Amino acid sequence: MMGGYYMGGISLFWMLIVGALIVIPFWRLLPKFGIPNWVAVFTLFPLVALVLLWVLAFKDDLDGKGGGA
């Protein structure tokens, strides 16, 4: 039996790295779409990340500023 933070072939270290690779881009992108950046923490859940990607893809404008084409 293995002790420590070793879980099914994925160590805690690698889980933190993957989590950071998911959260940091959302943290930077969300404010540009008028969404608070703290929402990025919830993207650790795959379904939330997928929903946010759809929201960002179909949002009409950045920062809520109208105008343009």
N, C-alpha and C. Protein backbone atom coordinates (compact mmCIF):
# COMPACT_ATOMS: atom_id res chain seq x y z
N MET A 1 0.84 -1.18 0.00
CA MET A 1 0.00 0.00 0.00
C MET A 1 0.88 1.24 0.00
N MET A 2 0.55 2.16 -0.87
CA MET A 2 1.36 3.36 -0.99
C MET A 2 0.77 4.46 -0.11
N GLY A 3 1.62 5.18 0.57
CA GLY A 3 1.16 6.27 1.41
C GLY A 3 1.42 7.60 0.75
N GLY A 4 1.13 8.65 1.43
CA GLY A 4 1.40 9.99 0.92
C GLY A 4 0.30 10.50 0.01
N TYR A 5 0.70 11.36 -0.89
CA TYR A 5 -0.25 12.01 -1.78
C TYR A 5 -0.28 11.36 -3.16
N TYR A 6 0.07 10.12 -3.26
CA TYR A 6 0.10 9.42 -4.53
C TYR A 6 -1.26 8.78 -4.75
N MET A 7 -1.97 9.22 -5.80
CA MET A 7 -3.33 8.75 -6.02
C MET A 7 -3.48 8.20 -7.43
N GLY A 8 -3.53 6.93 -7.60
CA GLY A 8 -3.83 6.32 -8.87
C GLY A 8 -2.92 6.72 -10.01
N GLY A 9 -1.66 6.93 -9.77
CA GLY A 9 -0.74 7.27 -10.83
C GLY A 9 -0.57 8.76 -11.04
N ILE A 10 -1.39 9.57 -10.38
CA ILE A 10 -1.27 11.03 -10.53
C ILE A 10 -0.91 11.62 -9.18
N SER A 11 0.24 12.24 -9.11
CA SER A 11 0.65 12.82 -7.83
C SER A 11 0.00 14.18 -7.63
N LEU A 12 0.00 14.63 -6.42
CA LEU A 12 -0.57 15.93 -6.08
C LEU A 12 0.13 17.04 -6.85
N PHE A 13 1.42 16.90 -7.04
CA PHE A 13 2.20 17.90 -7.78
C PHE A 13 1.66 18.07 -9.20
N TRP A 14 1.44 16.97 -9.90
CA TRP A 14 0.95 17.05 -11.28
C TRP A 14 -0.49 17.56 -11.33
N MET A 15 -1.27 17.24 -10.32
CA MET A 15 -2.64 17.76 -10.28
C MET A 15 -2.63 19.28 -10.11
N LEU A 16 -1.71 19.80 -9.31
CA LEU A 16 -1.59 21.25 -9.14
C LEU A 16 -1.12 21.92 -10.43
N ILE A 17 -0.19 21.28 -11.14
CA ILE A 17 0.30 21.84 -12.41
C ILE A 17 -0.84 21.91 -13.42
N VAL A 18 -1.58 20.83 -13.57
CA VAL A 18 -2.70 20.80 -14.52
C VAL A 18 -3.77 21.82 -14.11
N GLY A 19 -4.04 21.91 -12.82
CA GLY A 19 -5.01 22.89 -12.35
C GLY A 19 -4.59 24.31 -12.68
N ALA A 20 -3.31 24.61 -12.50
CA ALA A 20 -2.82 25.95 -12.83
C ALA A 20 -2.90 26.21 -14.33
N LEU A 21 -2.62 25.19 -15.13
CA LEU A 21 -2.70 25.35 -16.59
C LEU A 21 -4.13 25.60 -17.06
N ILE A 22 -5.10 25.20 -16.28
CA ILE A 22 -6.50 25.44 -16.62
C ILE A 22 -6.96 26.79 -16.08
N VAL A 23 -6.65 27.09 -14.84
CA VAL A 23 -7.20 28.28 -14.18
C VAL A 23 -6.56 29.57 -14.68
N ILE A 24 -5.26 29.60 -14.87
CA ILE A 24 -4.57 30.85 -15.21
C ILE A 24 -5.08 31.48 -16.51
N PRO A 25 -5.24 30.72 -17.60
CA PRO A 25 -5.79 31.37 -18.81
C PRO A 25 -7.20 31.93 -18.62
N PHE A 26 -8.05 31.19 -17.91
CA PHE A 26 -9.39 31.70 -17.64
C PHE A 26 -9.32 32.94 -16.76
N TRP A 27 -8.42 32.96 -15.79
CA TRP A 27 -8.25 34.09 -14.88
C TRP A 27 -7.92 35.36 -15.67
N ARG A 28 -7.13 35.20 -16.73
CA ARG A 28 -6.75 36.35 -17.55
C ARG A 28 -7.85 36.74 -18.54
N LEU A 29 -8.59 35.77 -19.06
CA LEU A 29 -9.59 36.04 -20.09
C LEU A 29 -10.92 36.58 -19.55
N LEU A 30 -11.38 36.06 -18.45
CA LEU A 30 -12.72 36.39 -17.97
C LEU A 30 -12.97 37.88 -17.76
N PRO A 31 -12.04 38.65 -17.17
CA PRO A 31 -12.31 40.09 -17.01
C PRO A 31 -12.50 40.81 -18.35
N LYS A 32 -11.89 40.34 -19.40
CA LYS A 32 -12.05 40.97 -20.71
C LYS A 32 -13.46 40.79 -21.25
N PHE A 33 -14.18 39.81 -20.72
CA PHE A 33 -15.55 39.56 -21.13
C PHE A 33 -16.55 40.04 -20.10
N GLY A 34 -16.09 40.80 -19.10
CA GLY A 34 -16.98 41.35 -18.09
C GLY A 34 -17.39 40.36 -17.01
N ILE A 35 -16.64 39.27 -16.87
CA ILE A 35 -16.93 38.26 -15.85
C ILE A 35 -15.83 38.35 -14.79
N PRO A 36 -16.17 38.35 -13.50
CA PRO A 36 -15.14 38.45 -12.46
C PRO A 36 -14.12 37.32 -12.57
N ASN A 37 -12.85 37.65 -12.35
CA ASN A 37 -11.81 36.64 -12.54
C ASN A 37 -11.83 35.53 -11.49
N TRP A 38 -12.48 35.73 -10.35
CA TRP A 38 -12.53 34.67 -9.33
C TRP A 38 -13.36 33.48 -9.81
N VAL A 39 -14.18 33.68 -10.83
CA VAL A 39 -14.98 32.59 -11.39
C VAL A 39 -14.07 31.53 -12.00
N ALA A 40 -12.85 31.91 -12.36
CA ALA A 40 -11.90 30.98 -12.97
C ALA A 40 -11.59 29.79 -12.06
N VAL A 41 -11.71 29.96 -10.76
CA VAL A 41 -11.42 28.87 -9.83
C VAL A 41 -12.36 27.69 -10.08
N PHE A 42 -13.59 27.98 -10.50
CA PHE A 42 -14.57 26.92 -10.74
C PHE A 42 -14.29 26.14 -12.02
N THR A 43 -13.37 26.61 -12.83
CA THR A 43 -13.05 25.88 -14.07
C THR A 43 -12.26 24.61 -13.79
N LEU A 44 -11.93 24.37 -12.54
CA LEU A 44 -11.30 23.09 -12.18
C LEU A 44 -12.30 21.94 -12.39
N PHE A 45 -13.58 22.28 -12.42
CA PHE A 45 -14.61 21.29 -12.73
C PHE A 45 -14.85 21.33 -14.24
N PRO A 46 -14.66 20.23 -14.92
CA PRO A 46 -14.72 20.23 -16.39
C PRO A 46 -16.01 20.78 -16.98
N LEU A 47 -17.14 20.50 -16.37
CA LEU A 47 -18.41 20.99 -16.92
C LEU A 47 -18.49 22.51 -16.84
N VAL A 48 -17.99 23.09 -15.77
CA VAL A 48 -17.98 24.54 -15.62
C VAL A 48 -17.07 25.17 -16.68
N ALA A 49 -15.91 24.56 -16.91
CA ALA A 49 -14.99 25.07 -17.93
C ALA A 49 -15.64 25.03 -19.31
N LEU A 50 -16.35 23.97 -19.60
CA LEU A 50 -17.02 23.85 -20.89
C LEU A 50 -18.12 24.91 -21.05
N VAL A 51 -18.90 25.12 -20.00
CA VAL A 51 -19.95 26.14 -20.06
C VAL A 51 -19.34 27.53 -20.24
N LEU A 52 -18.26 27.82 -19.52
CA LEU A 52 -17.62 29.12 -19.66
C LEU A 52 -17.04 29.32 -21.05
N LEU A 53 -16.50 28.26 -21.64
CA LEU A 53 -16.00 28.37 -23.01
C LEU A 53 -17.13 28.74 -23.97
N TRP A 54 -18.29 28.13 -23.77
CA TRP A 54 -19.45 28.46 -24.61
C TRP A 54 -19.89 29.91 -24.38
N VAL A 55 -19.89 30.36 -23.13
CA VAL A 55 -20.28 31.74 -22.83
C VAL A 55 -19.32 32.71 -23.50
N LEU A 56 -18.02 32.43 -23.41
CA LEU A 56 -17.04 33.32 -24.03
C LEU A 56 -17.13 33.30 -25.55
N ALA A 57 -17.40 32.15 -26.11
CA ALA A 57 -17.47 32.02 -27.57
C ALA A 57 -18.64 32.79 -28.16
N PHE A 58 -19.75 32.84 -27.44
CA PHE A 58 -20.94 33.46 -28.00
C PHE A 58 -21.26 34.83 -27.39
N LYS A 59 -20.34 35.36 -26.60
CA LYS A 59 -20.54 36.71 -26.05
C LYS A 59 -20.35 37.71 -27.18
N ASP A 60 -21.24 38.68 -27.25
CA ASP A 60 -21.24 39.62 -28.37
C ASP A 60 -20.06 40.59 -28.38
N ASP A 61 -19.72 41.16 -27.24
CA ASP A 61 -18.65 42.15 -27.24
C ASP A 61 -17.78 42.00 -26.00
N LEU A 62 -16.60 42.57 -26.07
CA LEU A 62 -15.64 42.54 -24.96
C LEU A 62 -15.89 43.72 -24.04
N ASP A 63 -15.76 43.52 -22.74
CA ASP A 63 -15.90 44.57 -21.72
C ASP A 63 -17.26 45.26 -21.73
N GLY A 64 -18.24 44.72 -22.43
CA GLY A 64 -19.56 45.31 -22.47
C GLY A 64 -19.62 46.61 -23.26
N LYS A 65 -18.55 46.92 -23.98
CA LYS A 65 -18.54 48.17 -24.77
C LYS A 65 -19.20 47.89 -26.11
N GLY A 66 -20.22 48.63 -26.40
CA GLY A 66 -20.94 48.45 -27.65
C GLY A 66 -20.19 49.08 -28.82
N GLY A 67 -20.90 49.29 -29.90
CA GLY A 67 -20.29 49.91 -31.07
C GLY A 67 -19.66 48.87 -31.96
N GLY A 68 -18.81 49.30 -32.82
CA GLY A 68 -18.13 48.38 -33.72
C GLY A 68 -19.04 47.96 -34.86
N ALA A 69 -18.69 46.87 -35.51
CA ALA A 69 -19.46 46.41 -36.67
C ALA A 69 -20.72 45.82 -36.17
